Amino acid sequence: MPGMSRTEIDYLLYAIVDLSIVPEAHVVPLAQAVVRGGATVVQLRGKRTAAGRLYDLARELKEVLPVPLILNDRIDVAAMSGADGVHLGDEDLSLGEAAQQFPGAQSRQIEQDQGGTENRASERGAV
């Protein structure tokens, strides 16, 4: 987005494209449609999708979307595909573990959804 650094993501309207619901053939057109509708960030969620296919979809989305792309759970695929960040749930790697495992992803936005409220503020941010 113009004038916005990679770590300043506008979360005003956060759209999730979930591959358990959306057929793969519709992922790119749906993501484009939600952006036309005002989405300021798109998350690609594919918990049961093979890493190679998730990578291909992420690359396709990065080519056509004018907003940041976040991948769900897969920091490895996010880093390799050029995604703008990764969403880590409370059963995934912690932010510290993610930073240690993938130091090359330090310029990427990494966010973590904690089930409880403790450490919420310290568990969000760029690493």
C-alpha atoms as a PDB file:
ATOM      1  CA  MET A   1       0.000   0.000   0.000  1.00  0.00           C
ATOM      2  CA  PRO A   2       1.333   3.449  -0.852  1.00  0.00           C
ATOM      3  CA  GLY A   3       3.335   5.030   1.948  1.00  0.00           C
ATOM      4  CA  MET A   4       3.009   1.977   4.192  1.00  0.00           C
ATOM      5  CA  SER A   5       5.992  -0.061   5.316  1.00  0.00           C
ATOM      6  CA  ARG A   6       5.722  -3.853   5.409  1.00  0.00           C
ATOM      7  CA  THR A   7       5.316  -3.812   9.187  1.00  0.00           C
ATOM      8  CA  GLU A   8       2.487  -1.235   9.146  1.00  0.00           C
ATOM      9  CA  ILE A   9      -0.394  -3.427   8.028  1.00  0.00           C
ATOM     10  CA  ASP A  10      -3.860  -1.872   8.048  1.00  0.00           C
ATOM     11  CA  TYR A  11      -6.097  -4.432   9.779  1.00  0.00           C
ATOM     12  CA  LEU A  12      -9.323  -2.448   9.268  1.00  0.00           C
ATOM     13  CA  LEU A  13     -10.995  -5.188   7.195  1.00  0.00           C
ATOM     14  CA  TYR A  14      -9.241  -8.566   7.509  1.00  0.00           C
ATOM     15  CA  ALA A  15     -10.546 -11.174   5.067  1.00  0.00           C
ATOM     16  CA  ILE A  16      -9.829 -14.885   5.469  1.00  0.00           C
ATOM     17  CA  VAL A  17      -9.884 -17.166   2.436  1.00  0.00           C
ATOM     18  CA  ASP A  18     -10.190 -20.661   3.894  1.00  0.00           C
ATOM     19  CA  LEU A  19      -9.337 -23.572   1.607  1.00  0.00           C
ATOM     20  CA  SER A  20     -11.553 -25.899   3.639  1.00  0.00           C
ATOM     21  CA  ILE A  21     -14.508 -23.834   2.382  1.00  0.00           C
ATOM     22  CA  VAL A  22     -13.367 -22.213  -0.867  1.00  0.00           C
ATOM     23  CA  PRO A  23     -12.457 -24.467  -3.815  1.00  0.00           C
ATOM     24  CA  GLU A  24      -8.879 -23.839  -4.966  1.00  0.00           C
ATOM     25  CA  ALA A  25     -10.072 -22.658  -8.393  1.00  0.00           C
ATOM     26  CA  HIS A  26     -11.975 -19.815  -6.695  1.00  0.00           C
ATOM     27  CA  VAL A  27      -9.246 -18.625  -4.300  1.00  0.00           C
ATOM     28  CA  VAL A  28      -7.729 -15.920  -6.495  1.00  0.00           C
ATOM     29  CA  PRO A  29     -11.029 -14.514  -7.837  1.00  0.00           C
ATOM     30  CA  LEU A  30     -12.526 -14.515  -4.327  1.00  0.00           C
ATOM     31  CA  ALA A  31      -9.499 -12.765  -2.831  1.00  0.00           C
ATOM     32  CA  GLN A  32      -9.652 -10.140  -5.582  1.00  0.00           C
ATOM     33  CA  ALA A  33     -13.380  -9.670  -4.929  1.00  0.00           C
ATOM     34  CA  VAL A  34     -12.932  -9.119  -1.182  1.00  0.00           C
ATOM     35  CA  VAL A  35     -10.234  -6.541  -1.892  1.00  0.00           C
ATOM     36  CA  ARG A  36     -12.545  -4.753  -4.343  1.00  0.00           C
ATOM     37  CA  GLY A  37     -15.100  -4.837  -1.527  1.00  0.00           C
ATOM     38  CA  GLY A  38     -12.722  -3.059   0.835  1.00  0.00           C
ATOM     39  CA  ALA A  39     -10.536  -5.727   2.471  1.00  0.00           C
ATOM     40  CA  THR A  40      -7.249  -4.196   3.603  1.00  0.00           C
ATOM     41  CA  VAL A  41      -5.479  -7.522   4.243  1.00  0.00           C
ATOM     42  CA  VAL A  42      -6.109 -11.103   3.095  1.00  0.00           C
ATOM     43  CA  GLN A  43      -5.236 -14.240   5.044  1.00  0.00           C
ATOM     44  CA  LEU A  44      -4.861 -17.530   3.180  1.00  0.00           C
ATOM     45  CA  ARG A  45      -5.825 -20.440   5.403  1.00  0.00           C
ATOM     46  CA  GLY A  46      -5.101 -23.988   4.277  1.00  0.00           C
ATOM     47  CA  LYS A  47      -4.645 -26.215   7.308  1.00  0.00           C
ATOM     48  CA  ARG A  48      -4.944 -29.413   5.246  1.00  0.00           C
ATOM     49  CA  THR A  49      -3.359 -28.090   2.048  1.00  0.00           C
ATOM     50  CA  ALA A  50       0.016 -29.466   0.940  1.00  0.00           C
ATOM     51  CA  ALA A  51       2.894 -27.002   1.365  1.00  0.00           C
ATOM     52  CA  GLY A  52       3.656 -26.941  -2.360  1.00  0.00           C
ATOM     53  CA  ARG A  53       0.088 -26.095  -3.313  1.00  0.00           C
ATOM     54  CA  LEU A  54      -0.159 -23.475  -0.556  1.00  0.00           C
ATOM     55  CA  TYR A  55       3.064 -21.925  -1.853  1.00  0.00           C
ATOM     56  CA  ASP A  56       1.692 -21.796  -5.416  1.00  0.00           C
ATOM     57  CA  LEU A  57      -1.540 -20.147  -4.272  1.00  0.00           C
ATOM     58  CA  ALA A  58       0.348 -17.645  -2.117  1.00  0.00           C
ATOM     59  CA  ARG A  59       2.594 -16.695  -5.060  1.00  0.00           C
ATOM     60  CA  GLU A  60      -0.455 -16.241  -7.288  1.00  0.00           C
ATOM     61  CA  LEU A  61      -2.119 -14.038  -4.687  1.00  0.00           C
ATOM     62  CA  LYS A  62       1.028 -11.939  -4.141  1.00  0.00           C
ATOM     63  CA  GLU A  63       1.125 -11.226  -7.887  1.00  0.00           C
ATOM     64  CA  VAL A  64      -2.437  -9.908  -8.079  1.00  0.00           C
ATOM     65  CA  LEU A  65      -3.355  -8.455  -4.682  1.00  0.00           C
ATOM     66  CA  PRO A  66      -2.624  -4.806  -3.864  1.00  0.00           C
ATOM     67  CA  VAL A  67      -2.970  -5.522  -0.112  1.00  0.00           C
ATOM     68  CA  PRO A  68      -0.817  -7.537   2.311  1.00  0.00           C
ATOM     69  CA  LEU A  69      -1.107 -11.326   2.295  1.00  0.00           C
ATOM     70  CA  ILE A  70      -0.922 -13.276   5.566  1.00  0.00           C
ATOM     71  CA  LEU A  71      -0.545 -17.062   5.642  1.00  0.00           C
ATOM     72  CA  ASN A  72      -2.096 -19.145   8.369  1.00  0.00           C
ATOM     73  CA  ASP A  73       0.269 -21.340  10.433  1.00  0.00           C
ATOM     74  CA  ARG A  74       2.974 -21.949   7.797  1.00  0.00           C
ATOM     75  CA  ILE A  75       5.854 -19.585   8.492  1.00  0.00           C
ATOM     76  CA  ASP A  76       8.053 -21.626   6.142  1.00  0.00           C
ATOM     77  CA  VAL A  77       5.658 -21.184   3.220  1.00  0.00           C
ATOM     78  CA  ALA A  78       5.066 -17.531   4.152  1.00  0.00           C
ATOM     79  CA  ALA A  79       8.796 -16.786   4.088  1.00  0.00           C
ATOM     80  CA  MET A  80       9.404 -18.636   0.814  1.00  0.00           C
ATOM     81  CA  SER A  81       6.380 -17.210  -0.999  1.00  0.00           C
ATOM     82  CA  GLY A  82       7.030 -13.593  -0.102  1.00  0.00           C
ATOM     83  CA  ALA A  83       3.878 -13.299   2.005  1.00  0.00           C
ATOM     84  CA  ASP A  84       3.701 -10.228   4.202  1.00  0.00           C
ATOM     85  CA  GLY A  85       3.192 -12.210   7.377  1.00  0.00           C
ATOM     86  CA  VAL A  86       1.992 -15.329   9.108  1.00  0.00           C
ATOM     87  CA  HIS A  87      -0.772 -15.905  11.625  1.00  0.00           C
ATOM     88  CA  LEU A  88       0.256 -18.257  14.432  1.00  0.00           C
ATOM     89  CA  GLY A  89      -2.392 -19.726  16.705  1.00  0.00           C
ATOM     90  CA  ASP A  90      -1.864 -20.864  20.266  1.00  0.00           C
ATOM     91  CA  GLU A  91      -1.074 -24.422  19.106  1.00  0.00           C
ATOM     92  CA  ASP A  92       1.552 -23.254  16.594  1.00  0.00           C
ATOM     93  CA  LEU A  93       5.116 -22.048  17.106  1.00  0.00           C
ATOM     94  CA  SER A  94       5.502 -19.185  19.554  1.00  0.00           C
ATOM     95  CA  LEU A  95       6.854 -15.910  18.196  1.00  0.00           C
ATOM     96  CA  GLY A  96      10.235 -16.638  19.766  1.00  0.00           C
ATOM     97  CA  GLU A  97      10.397 -20.128  18.270  1.00  0.00           C
ATOM     98  CA  ALA A  98       9.316 -18.794  14.882  1.00  0.00           C
ATOM     99  CA  ALA A  99      12.050 -16.155  14.938  1.00  0.00           C
ATOM    100  CA  GLN A 100      14.657 -18.766  15.907  1.00  0.00           C
ATOM    101  CA  GLN A 101      13.567 -21.274  13.266  1.00  0.00           C
ATOM    102  CA  PHE A 102      13.264 -18.742  10.454  1.00  0.00           C
ATOM    103  CA  PRO A 103      15.626 -15.820  11.081  1.00  0.00           C
ATOM    104  CA  GLY A 104      15.259 -14.785   7.433  1.00  0.00           C
ATOM    105  CA  ALA A 105      11.645 -13.893   8.164  1.00  0.00           C
ATOM    106  CA  GLN A 106      12.623 -11.076  10.520  1.00  0.00           C
ATOM    107  CA  SER A 107      11.299  -8.387   8.204  1.00  0.00           C
ATOM    108  CA  ARG A 108       7.933 -10.091   7.940  1.00  0.00           C
ATOM    109  CA  GLN A 109       4.961  -9.381  10.179  1.00  0.00           C
ATOM    110  CA  ILE A 110       4.306 -12.285  12.537  1.00  0.00           C
ATOM    111  CA  GLU A 111       1.192 -12.273  14.659  1.00  0.00           C
ATOM    112  CA  GLN A 112       0.020 -14.730  17.244  1.00  0.00           C
ATOM    113  CA  ASP A 113      -3.471 -15.294  18.549  1.00  0.00           C
ATOM    114  CA  GLN A 114      -3.221 -16.209  22.213  1.00  0.00           C
ATOM    115  CA  GLY A 115      -6.162 -17.948  23.852  1.00  0.00           C
ATOM    116  CA  GLY A 116      -5.695 -16.005  27.098  1.00  0.00           C
ATOM    117  CA  THR A 117      -5.116 -12.340  27.655  1.00  0.00           C
ATOM    118  CA  GLU A 118      -1.747 -12.628  29.367  1.00  0.00           C
ATOM    119  CA  ASN A 119       1.192 -11.790  27.100  1.00  0.00           C
ATOM    120  CA  ARG A 120      -1.172 -10.722  24.329  1.00  0.00           C
ATOM    121  CA  ALA A 121       0.600  -7.423  23.718  1.00  0.00           C
ATOM    122  CA  SER A 122       4.069  -8.958  23.918  1.00  0.00           C
ATOM    123  CA  GLU A 123       3.090 -11.802  21.615  1.00  0.00           C
ATOM    124  CA  ARG A 124       2.230  -9.533  18.686  1.00  0.00           C
ATOM    125  CA  GLY A 125       4.620  -7.690  16.476  1.00  0.00           C
ATOM    126  CA  ALA A 126       7.321  -7.910  13.914  1.00  0.00           C
ATOM    127  CA  VAL A 127      10.354 -10.035  14.577  1.00  0.00           C
END
